[in-house]
PDB file of N, CA and C in Angstrom:
ATOM      1  N   MET A   1      -1.955 -24.355  59.568  1.00  0.00           N
ATOM      2  CA  MET A   1      -0.519 -24.331  59.546  1.00  0.00           C
ATOM      3  C   MET A   1      -0.077 -24.352  58.098  1.00  0.00           C
ATOM      4  N   SER A   2       0.814 -23.454  57.741  1.00  0.00           N
ATOM      5  CA  SER A   2       1.377 -23.423  56.391  1.00  0.00           C
ATOM      6  C   SER A   2       2.867 -23.687  56.472  1.00  0.00           C
ATOM      7  N   ILE A   3       3.365 -24.498  55.572  1.00  0.00           N
ATOM      8  CA  ILE A   3       4.776 -24.836  55.541  1.00  0.00           C
ATOM      9  C   ILE A   3       5.288 -24.586  54.141  1.00  0.00           C
ATOM     10  N   LEU A   4       6.375 -23.854  54.033  1.00  0.00           N
ATOM     11  CA  LEU A   4       7.027 -23.677  52.748  1.00  0.00           C
ATOM     12  C   LEU A   4       7.970 -24.843  52.571  1.00  0.00           C
ATOM     13  N   MET A   5       7.751 -25.629  51.546  1.00  0.00           N
ATOM     14  CA  MET A   5       8.499 -26.868  51.390  1.00  0.00           C
ATOM     15  C   MET A   5       9.871 -26.674  50.765  1.00  0.00           C
ATOM     16  N   GLY A   6      10.192 -25.477  50.338  1.00  0.00           N
ATOM     17  CA  GLY A   6      11.515 -25.224  49.800  1.00  0.00           C
ATOM     18  C   GLY A   6      11.576 -25.385  48.294  1.00  0.00           C
ATOM     19  N   SER A   7      12.767 -25.262  47.765  1.00  0.00           N
ATOM     20  CA  SER A   7      12.952 -25.328  46.320  1.00  0.00           C
ATOM     21  C   SER A   7      12.728 -26.747  45.826  1.00  0.00           C
ATOM     22  N   ILE A   8      11.844 -26.897  44.864  1.00  0.00           N
ATOM     23  CA  ILE A   8      11.648 -28.206  44.264  1.00  0.00           C
ATOM     24  C   ILE A   8      12.251 -28.264  42.870  1.00  0.00           C
ATOM     25  N   VAL A   9      12.547 -27.115  42.303  1.00  0.00           N
ATOM     26  CA  VAL A   9      13.216 -27.060  41.011  1.00  0.00           C
ATOM     27  C   VAL A   9      14.318 -26.023  41.133  1.00  0.00           C
ATOM     28  N   GLY A  10      15.563 -26.461  40.994  1.00  0.00           N
ATOM     29  CA  GLY A  10      16.675 -25.546  41.169  1.00  0.00           C
ATOM     30  C   GLY A  10      16.885 -24.616  40.000  1.00  0.00           C
ATOM     31  N   ASN A  11      16.612 -25.098  38.804  1.00  0.00           N
ATOM     32  CA  ASN A  11      16.870 -24.275  37.631  1.00  0.00           C
ATOM     33  C   ASN A  11      15.880 -24.659  36.535  1.00  0.00           C
ATOM     34  N   LEU A  12      14.927 -23.813  36.283  1.00  0.00           N
ATOM     35  CA  LEU A  12      13.905 -24.104  35.285  1.00  0.00           C
ATOM     36  C   LEU A  12      14.459 -24.132  33.869  1.00  0.00           C
ATOM     37  N   THR A  13      15.642 -23.569  33.667  1.00  0.00           N
ATOM     38  CA  THR A  13      16.200 -23.484  32.319  1.00  0.00           C
ATOM     39  C   THR A  13      17.286 -24.527  32.078  1.00  0.00           C
ATOM     40  N   ALA A  14      17.353 -25.573  32.878  1.00  0.00           N
ATOM     41  CA  ALA A  14      18.435 -26.553  32.784  1.00  0.00           C
ATOM     42  C   ALA A  14      18.465 -27.287  31.448  1.00  0.00           C
ATOM     43  N   LYS A  15      17.348 -27.835  30.960  1.00  0.00           N
ATOM     44  CA  LYS A  15      17.367 -28.619  29.723  1.00  0.00           C
ATOM     45  C   LYS A  15      16.527 -27.957  28.636  1.00  0.00           C
ATOM     46  N   GLN A  16      15.236 -27.945  28.811  1.00  0.00           N
ATOM     47  CA  GLN A  16      14.321 -27.371  27.831  1.00  0.00           C
ATOM     48  C   GLN A  16      13.977 -25.951  28.279  1.00  0.00           C
ATOM     49  N   PRO A  17      14.680 -24.950  27.805  1.00  0.00           N
ATOM     50  CA  PRO A  17      14.432 -23.591  28.277  1.00  0.00           C
ATOM     51  C   PRO A  17      13.015 -23.119  27.950  1.00  0.00           C
ATOM     52  N   ASP A  18      12.370 -22.562  28.919  1.00  0.00           N
ATOM     53  CA  ASP A  18      11.073 -21.930  28.744  1.00  0.00           C
ATOM     54  C   ASP A  18      11.359 -20.480  28.372  1.00  0.00           C
ATOM     55  N   ALA A  19      10.781 -20.004  27.278  1.00  0.00           N
ATOM     56  CA  ALA A  19      11.088 -18.653  26.788  1.00  0.00           C
ATOM     57  C   ALA A  19      10.846 -17.586  27.851  1.00  0.00           C
ATOM     58  N   GLN A  20       9.733 -17.676  28.557  1.00  0.00           N
ATOM     59  CA  GLN A  20       9.442 -16.670  29.578  1.00  0.00           C
ATOM     60  C   GLN A  20      10.440 -16.752  30.727  1.00  0.00           C
ATOM     61  N   ALA A  21      10.865 -17.965  31.098  1.00  0.00           N
ATOM     62  CA  ALA A  21      11.830 -18.109  32.182  1.00  0.00           C
ATOM     63  C   ALA A  21      13.167 -17.484  31.803  1.00  0.00           C
ATOM     64  N   ILE A  22      13.564 -17.634  30.544  1.00  0.00           N
ATOM     65  CA  ILE A  22      14.829 -17.055  30.110  1.00  0.00           C
ATOM     66  C   ILE A  22      14.736 -15.534  30.081  1.00  0.00           C
ATOM     67  N   VAL A  23      13.681 -15.013  29.493  1.00  0.00           N
ATOM     68  CA  VAL A  23      13.518 -13.571  29.398  1.00  0.00           C
ATOM     69  C   VAL A  23      13.396 -12.939  30.779  1.00  0.00           C
ATOM     70  N   SER A  24      12.603 -13.562  31.642  1.00  0.00           N
ATOM     71  CA  SER A  24      12.351 -13.001  32.962  1.00  0.00           C
ATOM     72  C   SER A  24      13.398 -13.401  33.979  1.00  0.00           C
ATOM     73  N   ASP A  25      14.266 -14.374  33.660  1.00  0.00           N
ATOM     74  CA  ASP A  25      15.315 -14.858  34.548  1.00  0.00           C
ATOM     75  C   ASP A  25      14.750 -15.501  35.819  1.00  0.00           C
ATOM     76  N   PHE A  26      13.581 -16.147  35.702  1.00  0.00           N
ATOM     77  CA  PHE A  26      13.030 -16.898  36.818  1.00  0.00           C
ATOM     78  C   PHE A  26      13.764 -18.227  36.900  1.00  0.00           C
ATOM     79  N   LYS A  27      14.274 -18.567  38.077  1.00  0.00           N
ATOM     80  CA  LYS A  27      15.065 -19.787  38.176  1.00  0.00           C
ATOM     81  C   LYS A  27      14.724 -20.639  39.390  1.00  0.00           C
ATOM     82  N   THR A  28      13.915 -20.182  40.301  1.00  0.00           N
ATOM     83  CA  THR A  28      13.604 -20.950  41.498  1.00  0.00           C
ATOM     84  C   THR A  28      12.109 -21.145  41.605  1.00  0.00           C
ATOM     85  N   CYS A  29      11.686 -22.363  41.830  1.00  0.00           N
ATOM     86  CA  CYS A  29      10.272 -22.685  41.956  1.00  0.00           C
ATOM     87  C   CYS A  29      10.020 -23.256  43.346  1.00  0.00           C
ATOM     88  N   ARG A  30       9.016 -22.751  44.029  1.00  0.00           N
ATOM     89  CA  ARG A  30       8.693 -23.220  45.374  1.00  0.00           C
ATOM     90  C   ARG A  30       7.237 -23.638  45.442  1.00  0.00           C
ATOM     91  N   ILE A  31       6.987 -24.562  46.343  1.00  0.00           N
ATOM     92  CA  ILE A  31       5.632 -25.040  46.558  1.00  0.00           C
ATOM     93  C   ILE A  31       5.374 -25.058  48.063  1.00  0.00           C
ATOM     94  N   GLY A  32       4.141 -24.780  48.464  1.00  0.00           N
ATOM     95  CA  GLY A  32       3.797 -24.756  49.875  1.00  0.00           C
ATOM     96  C   GLY A  32       2.800 -25.848  50.218  1.00  0.00           C
ATOM     97  N   LEU A  33       2.639 -26.086  51.483  1.00  0.00           N
ATOM     98  CA  LEU A  33       1.686 -27.066  51.984  1.00  0.00           C
ATOM     99  C   LEU A  33       0.873 -26.405  53.075  1.00  0.00           C
ATOM    100  N   ASN A  34      -0.438 -26.358  52.900  1.00  0.00           N
ATOM    101  CA  ASN A  34      -1.336 -25.765  53.883  1.00  0.00           C
ATOM    102  C   ASN A  34      -2.137 -26.904  54.509  1.00  0.00           C
ATOM    103  N   CYS A  35      -2.100 -27.017  55.828  1.00  0.00           N
ATOM    104  CA  CYS A  35      -2.777 -28.108  56.520  1.00  0.00           C
ATOM    105  C   CYS A  35      -3.702 -27.550  57.592  1.00  0.00           C
ATOM    106  N   SER A  36      -4.901 -28.114  57.679  1.00  0.00           N
ATOM    107  CA  SER A  36      -5.814 -27.752  58.759  1.00  0.00           C
ATOM    108  C   SER A  36      -6.107 -29.012  59.560  1.00  0.00           C
ATOM    109  N   GLU A  37      -6.693 -28.827  60.711  1.00  0.00           N
ATOM    110  CA  GLU A  37      -7.018 -29.936  61.607  1.00  0.00           C
ATOM    111  C   GLU A  37      -5.788 -30.788  61.917  1.00  0.00           C
ATOM    112  N   ILE A  38      -4.680 -30.121  62.332  1.00  0.00           N
ATOM    113  CA  ILE A  38      -3.480 -30.878  62.649  1.00  0.00           C
ATOM    114  C   ILE A  38      -3.546 -31.405  64.082  1.00  0.00           C
ATOM    115  N   SER A  39      -2.861 -32.533  64.305  1.00  0.00           N
ATOM    116  CA  SER A  39      -2.760 -33.115  65.643  1.00  0.00           C
ATOM    117  C   SER A  39      -1.425 -33.837  65.745  1.00  0.00           C
ATOM    118  N   ASN A  40      -1.096 -34.271  66.944  1.00  0.00           N
ATOM    119  CA  ASN A  40       0.158 -34.998  67.206  1.00  0.00           C
ATOM    120  C   ASN A  40       1.378 -34.223  66.703  1.00  0.00           C
ATOM    121  N   LEU A  41       1.418 -32.934  67.003  1.00  0.00           N
ATOM    122  CA  LEU A  41       2.486 -32.060  66.517  1.00  0.00           C
ATOM    123  C   LEU A  41       3.762 -32.229  67.342  1.00  0.00           C
ATOM    124  N   THR A  42       4.874 -32.426  66.633  1.00  0.00           N
ATOM    125  CA  THR A  42       6.201 -32.474  67.248  1.00  0.00           C
ATOM    126  C   THR A  42       7.099 -31.501  66.503  1.00  0.00           C
ATOM    127  N   ILE A  43       7.746 -30.592  67.244  1.00  0.00           N
ATOM    128  CA  ILE A  43       8.701 -29.648  66.661  1.00  0.00           C
ATOM    129  C   ILE A  43       9.934 -29.649  67.553  1.00  0.00           C
ATOM    130  N   LYS A  44      11.099 -29.920  66.964  1.00  0.00           N
ATOM    131  CA  LYS A  44      12.356 -29.925  67.718  1.00  0.00           C
ATOM    132  C   LYS A  44      13.447 -29.236  66.910  1.00  0.00           C
ATOM    133  N   ASN A  45      14.194 -28.371  67.599  1.00  0.00           N
ATOM    134  CA  ASN A  45      15.371 -27.684  67.037  1.00  0.00           C
ATOM    135  C   ASN A  45      15.064 -26.884  65.775  1.00  0.00           C
ATOM    136  N   ILE A  46      14.019 -26.083  65.840  1.00  0.00           N
ATOM    137  CA  ILE A  46      13.638 -25.194  64.748  1.00  0.00           C
ATOM    138  C   ILE A  46      13.825 -23.765  65.250  1.00  0.00           C
ATOM    139  N   PRO A  47      14.378 -22.840  64.522  1.00  0.00           N
ATOM    140  CA  PRO A  47      14.731 -22.871  63.098  1.00  0.00           C
ATOM    141  C   PRO A  47      16.090 -23.511  62.872  1.00  0.00           C
ATOM    142  N   THR A  48      16.320 -23.885  61.625  1.00  0.00           N
ATOM    143  CA  THR A  48      17.592 -24.446  61.184  1.00  0.00           C
ATOM    144  C   THR A  48      17.845 -24.006  59.755  1.00  0.00           C
ATOM    145  N   LYS A  49      19.090 -23.905  59.378  1.00  0.00           N
ATOM    146  CA  LYS A  49      19.426 -23.545  58.000  1.00  0.00           C
ATOM    147  C   LYS A  49      19.541 -24.773  57.114  1.00  0.00           C
ATOM    148  N   GLU A  50      19.604 -25.943  57.721  1.00  0.00           N
ATOM    149  CA  GLU A  50      19.739 -27.191  56.982  1.00  0.00           C
ATOM    150  C   GLU A  50      18.392 -27.592  56.373  1.00  0.00           C
ATOM    151  N   LYS A  51      18.374 -27.946  55.106  1.00  0.00           N
ATOM    152  CA  LYS A  51      17.134 -28.321  54.421  1.00  0.00           C
ATOM    153  C   LYS A  51      16.633 -29.677  54.919  1.00  0.00           C
ATOM    154  N   PRO A  52      15.329 -29.801  55.135  1.00  0.00           N
ATOM    155  CA  PRO A  52      14.789 -31.089  55.594  1.00  0.00           C
ATOM    156  C   PRO A  52      14.407 -31.998  54.430  1.00  0.00           C
ATOM    157  N   ASN A  53      14.333 -33.278  54.718  1.00  0.00           N
ATOM    158  CA  ASN A  53      13.711 -34.248  53.817  1.00  0.00           C
ATOM    159  C   ASN A  53      12.271 -34.386  54.269  1.00  0.00           C
ATOM    160  N   ILE A  54      11.336 -34.386  53.326  1.00  0.00           N
ATOM    161  CA  ILE A  54       9.915 -34.395  53.671  1.00  0.00           C
ATOM    162  C   ILE A  54       9.251 -35.634  53.103  1.00  0.00           C
ATOM    163  N   THR A  55       8.485 -36.310  53.952  1.00  0.00           N
ATOM    164  CA  THR A  55       7.666 -37.430  53.491  1.00  0.00           C
ATOM    165  C   THR A  55       6.240 -37.215  53.976  1.00  0.00           C
ATOM    166  N   ILE A  56       5.298 -37.582  53.124  1.00  0.00           N
ATOM    167  CA  ILE A  56       3.882 -37.533  53.469  1.00  0.00           C
ATOM    168  C   ILE A  56       3.329 -38.925  53.208  1.00  0.00           C
ATOM    169  N   THR A  57       2.760 -39.528  54.241  1.00  0.00           N
ATOM    170  CA  THR A  57       2.173 -40.856  54.107  1.00  0.00           C
ATOM    171  C   THR A  57       0.695 -40.790  54.467  1.00  0.00           C
ATOM    172  N   GLN A  58      -0.075 -41.722  53.933  1.00  0.00           N
ATOM    173  CA  GLN A  58      -1.513 -41.745  54.185  1.00  0.00           C
ATOM    174  C   GLN A  58      -1.902 -43.104  54.749  1.00  0.00           C
ATOM    175  N   SER A  59      -2.716 -43.066  55.799  1.00  0.00           N
ATOM    176  CA  SER A  59      -3.306 -44.264  56.375  1.00  0.00           C
ATOM    177  C   SER A  59      -4.794 -43.992  56.528  1.00  0.00           C
ATOM    178  N   GLU A  60      -5.592 -44.626  55.702  1.00  0.00           N
ATOM    179  CA  GLU A  60      -7.031 -44.365  55.598  1.00  0.00           C
ATOM    180  C   GLU A  60      -7.245 -42.899  55.254  1.00  0.00           C
ATOM    181  N   ASN A  61      -7.901 -42.107  56.102  1.00  0.00           N
ATOM    182  CA  ASN A  61      -8.149 -40.699  55.775  1.00  0.00           C
ATOM    183  C   ASN A  61      -7.268 -39.739  56.579  1.00  0.00           C
ATOM    184  N   ILE A  62      -6.160 -40.221  57.141  1.00  0.00           N
ATOM    185  CA  ILE A  62      -5.227 -39.396  57.908  1.00  0.00           C
ATOM    186  C   ILE A  62      -3.874 -39.372  57.199  1.00  0.00           C
ATOM    187  N   PHE A  63      -3.310 -38.174  57.056  1.00  0.00           N
ATOM    188  CA  PHE A  63      -1.993 -37.998  56.453  1.00  0.00           C
ATOM    189  C   PHE A  63      -0.991 -37.662  57.554  1.00  0.00           C
ATOM    190  N   THR A  64       0.192 -38.227  57.465  1.00  0.00           N
ATOM    191  CA  THR A  64       1.277 -37.903  58.390  1.00  0.00           C
ATOM    192  C   THR A  64       2.377 -37.212  57.606  1.00  0.00           C
ATOM    193  N   LEU A  65       2.750 -36.008  58.049  1.00  0.00           N
ATOM    194  CA  LEU A  65       3.841 -35.258  57.447  1.00  0.00           C
ATOM    195  C   LEU A  65       5.038 -35.347  58.366  1.00  0.00           C
ATOM    196  N   HIS A  66       6.175 -35.723  57.802  1.00  0.00           N
ATOM    197  CA  HIS A  66       7.421 -35.842  58.553  1.00  0.00           C
ATOM    198  C   HIS A  66       8.492 -35.076  57.791  1.00  0.00           C
ATOM    199  N   ALA A  67       9.019 -34.014  58.390  1.00  0.00           N
ATOM    200  CA  ALA A  67      10.096 -33.211  57.801  1.00  0.00           C
ATOM    201  C   ALA A  67      11.254 -33.203  58.787  1.00  0.00           C
ATOM    202  N   SER A  68      12.411 -33.699  58.358  1.00  0.00           N
ATOM    203  CA  SER A  68      13.544 -33.755  59.287  1.00  0.00           C
ATOM    204  C   SER A  68      14.865 -33.662  58.548  1.00  0.00           C
ATOM    205  N   ASN A  69      15.885 -33.294  59.306  1.00  0.00           N
ATOM    206  CA  ASN A  69      17.269 -33.335  58.853  1.00  0.00           C
ATOM    207  C   ASN A  69      18.087 -33.896  60.016  1.00  0.00           C
ATOM    208  N   SER A  70      19.389 -33.751  59.990  1.00  0.00           N
ATOM    209  CA  SER A  70      20.213 -34.350  61.033  1.00  0.00           C
ATOM    210  C   SER A  70      20.033 -33.717  62.403  1.00  0.00           C
ATOM    211  N   SER A  71      19.457 -32.497  62.463  1.00  0.00           N
ATOM    212  CA  SER A  71      19.356 -31.821  63.760  1.00  0.00           C
ATOM    213  C   SER A  71      17.943 -31.394  64.162  1.00  0.00           C
ATOM    214  N   SER A  72      16.958 -31.508  63.281  1.00  0.00           N
ATOM    215  CA  SER A  72      15.629 -31.001  63.616  1.00  0.00           C
ATOM    216  C   SER A  72      14.527 -31.869  63.020  1.00  0.00           C
ATOM    217  N   ILE A  73      13.309 -31.643  63.522  1.00  0.00           N
ATOM    218  CA  ILE A  73      12.161 -32.428  63.057  1.00  0.00           C
ATOM    219  C   ILE A  73      10.866 -31.623  63.221  1.00  0.00           C
ATOM    220  N   ILE A  74       9.977 -31.775  62.265  1.00  0.00           N
ATOM    221  CA  ILE A  74       8.584 -31.339  62.365  1.00  0.00           C
ATOM    222  C   ILE A  74       7.760 -32.538  61.921  1.00  0.00           C
ATOM    223  N   GLU A  75       6.815 -32.939  62.748  1.00  0.00           N
ATOM    224  CA  GLU A  75       5.963 -34.067  62.391  1.00  0.00           C
ATOM    225  C   GLU A  75       4.564 -33.816  62.939  1.00  0.00           C
ATOM    226  N   PHE A  76       3.552 -34.145  62.139  1.00  0.00           N
ATOM    227  CA  PHE A  76       2.171 -34.006  62.578  1.00  0.00           C
ATOM    228  C   PHE A  76       1.258 -34.817  61.686  1.00  0.00           C
ATOM    229  N   THR A  77       0.019 -34.973  62.128  1.00  0.00           N
ATOM    230  CA  THR A  77      -1.002 -35.617  61.302  1.00  0.00           C
ATOM    231  C   THR A  77      -2.051 -34.580  60.943  1.00  0.00           C
ATOM    232  N   THR A  78      -2.694 -34.801  59.800  1.00  0.00           N
ATOM    233  CA  THR A  78      -3.731 -33.891  59.319  1.00  0.00           C
ATOM    234  C   THR A  78      -4.730 -34.667  58.469  1.00  0.00           C
ATOM    235  N   LYS A  79      -5.931 -34.162  58.408  1.00  0.00           N
ATOM    236  CA  LYS A  79      -6.953 -34.776  57.567  1.00  0.00           C
ATOM    237  C   LYS A  79      -7.024 -34.128  56.197  1.00  0.00           C
ATOM    238  N   SER A  80      -6.503 -32.907  56.081  1.00  0.00           N
ATOM    239  CA  SER A  80      -6.707 -32.180  54.830  1.00  0.00           C
ATOM    240  C   SER A  80      -5.474 -31.392  54.395  1.00  0.00           C
ATOM    241  N   PRO A  81      -4.452 -32.062  53.837  1.00  0.00           N
ATOM    242  CA  PRO A  81      -3.309 -31.324  53.295  1.00  0.00           C
ATOM    243  C   PRO A  81      -3.662 -30.713  51.939  1.00  0.00           C
ATOM    244  N   LEU A  82      -3.140 -29.547  51.662  1.00  0.00           N
ATOM    245  CA  LEU A  82      -3.416 -28.846  50.414  1.00  0.00           C
ATOM    246  C   LEU A  82      -2.116 -28.246  49.884  1.00  0.00           C
ATOM    247  N   LEU A  83      -1.698 -28.671  48.700  1.00  0.00           N
ATOM    248  CA  LEU A  83      -0.511 -28.085  48.079  1.00  0.00           C
ATOM    249  C   LEU A  83      -0.870 -26.714  47.528  1.00  0.00           C
ATOM    250  N   CYS A  84       0.004 -25.742  47.759  1.00  0.00           N
ATOM    251  CA  CYS A  84      -0.212 -24.366  47.310  1.00  0.00           C
ATOM    252  C   CYS A  84       0.923 -23.981  46.364  1.00  0.00           C
ATOM    253  N   GLY A  85       0.575 -23.383  45.269  1.00  0.00           N
ATOM    254  CA  GLY A  85       1.601 -22.951  44.340  1.00  0.00           C
ATOM    255  C   GLY A  85       1.590 -23.843  43.117  1.00  0.00           C
ATOM    256  N   PRO A  86       2.643 -23.974  42.414  1.00  0.00           N
ATOM    257  CA  PRO A  86       3.969 -23.446  42.727  1.00  0.00           C
ATOM    258  C   PRO A  86       4.089 -21.960  42.420  1.00  0.00           C
ATOM    259  N   SER A  87       5.088 -21.349  43.028  1.00  0.00           N
ATOM    260  CA  SER A  87       5.434 -19.959  42.767  1.00  0.00           C
ATOM    261  C   SER A  87       6.836 -19.936  42.191  1.00  0.00           C
ATOM    262  N   VAL A  88       7.066 -19.044  41.251  1.00  0.00           N
ATOM    263  CA  VAL A  88       8.366 -18.951  40.602  1.00  0.00           C
ATOM    264  C   VAL A  88       9.016 -17.648  41.018  1.00  0.00           C
ATOM    265  N   TYR A  89      10.306 -17.705  41.333  1.00  0.00           N
ATOM    266  CA  TYR A  89      11.049 -16.548  41.807  1.00  0.00           C
ATOM    267  C   TYR A  89      12.282 -16.322  40.968  1.00  0.00           C
ATOM    268  N   MET A  90      12.757 -15.080  40.962  1.00  0.00           N
ATOM    269  CA  MET A  90      14.023 -14.765  40.313  1.00  0.00           C
ATOM    270  C   MET A  90      15.143 -15.029  41.311  1.00  0.00           C
ATOM    271  N   ASN A  91      16.264 -15.522  40.821  1.00  0.00           N
ATOM    272  CA  ASN A  91      17.441 -15.681  41.675  1.00  0.00           C
ATOM    273  C   ASN A  91      17.941 -14.311  42.076  1.00  0.00           C
ATOM    274  N   ASP A  92      18.488 -14.233  43.275  1.00  0.00           N
ATOM    275  CA  ASP A  92      19.045 -12.979  43.775  1.00  0.00           C
ATOM    276  C   ASP A  92      20.318 -12.646  42.992  1.00  0.00           C
ATOM    277  N   LYS A  93      20.351 -11.441  42.462  1.00  0.00           N
ATOM    278  CA  LYS A  93      21.547 -10.988  41.746  1.00  0.00           C
ATOM    279  C   LYS A  93      22.252  -9.951  42.611  1.00  0.00           C
ATOM    280  N   LYS A  94      23.528 -10.164  42.793  1.00  0.00           N
ATOM    281  CA  LYS A  94      24.324  -9.235  43.587  1.00  0.00           C
ATOM    282  C   LYS A  94      24.533  -7.941  42.799  1.00  0.00           C
ATOM    283  N   PRO A  95      24.359  -6.787  43.451  1.00  0.00           N
ATOM    284  CA  PRO A  95      24.602  -5.521  42.739  1.00  0.00           C
ATOM    285  C   PRO A  95      26.077  -5.387  42.387  1.00  0.00           C
ATOM    286  N   VAL A  96      26.323  -4.811  41.243  1.00  0.00           N
ATOM    287  CA  VAL A  96      27.703  -4.589  40.794  1.00  0.00           C
ATOM    288  C   VAL A  96      28.179  -3.264  41.356  1.00  0.00           C
ATOM    289  N   LEU A  97      29.292  -3.308  42.066  1.00  0.00           N
ATOM    290  CA  LEU A  97      29.870  -2.076  42.615  1.00  0.00           C
ATOM    291  C   LEU A  97      30.760  -1.414  41.570  1.00  0.00           C
ATOM    292  N   THR A  98      30.598  -0.098  41.431  1.00  0.00           N
ATOM    293  CA  THR A  98      31.439   0.619  40.456  1.00  0.00           C
ATOM    294  C   THR A  98      32.347   1.599  41.136  1.00  0.00           C
TER     295      THR A  98
END
């Protein structure tokens, strides 16, 4: 199971501008979570446009991932979570009509 965790950095150029980020206009950074051997899966009211809050807790060698917002939830346990990324994206620019 792979989950895109959403934007973790809204603007890479906010304080200390990175030269490549400015030149390339990259402004959104995302990170993913890849999990195998999942169990105790709960999914309610998905898809949703509302961003979830995500917590990952560990008890011995089992991790519990809980992602929820006011209307939906994804929760499961896994033995082997793996962070993927980060990946950097350009913000969408609206075309100028002439």
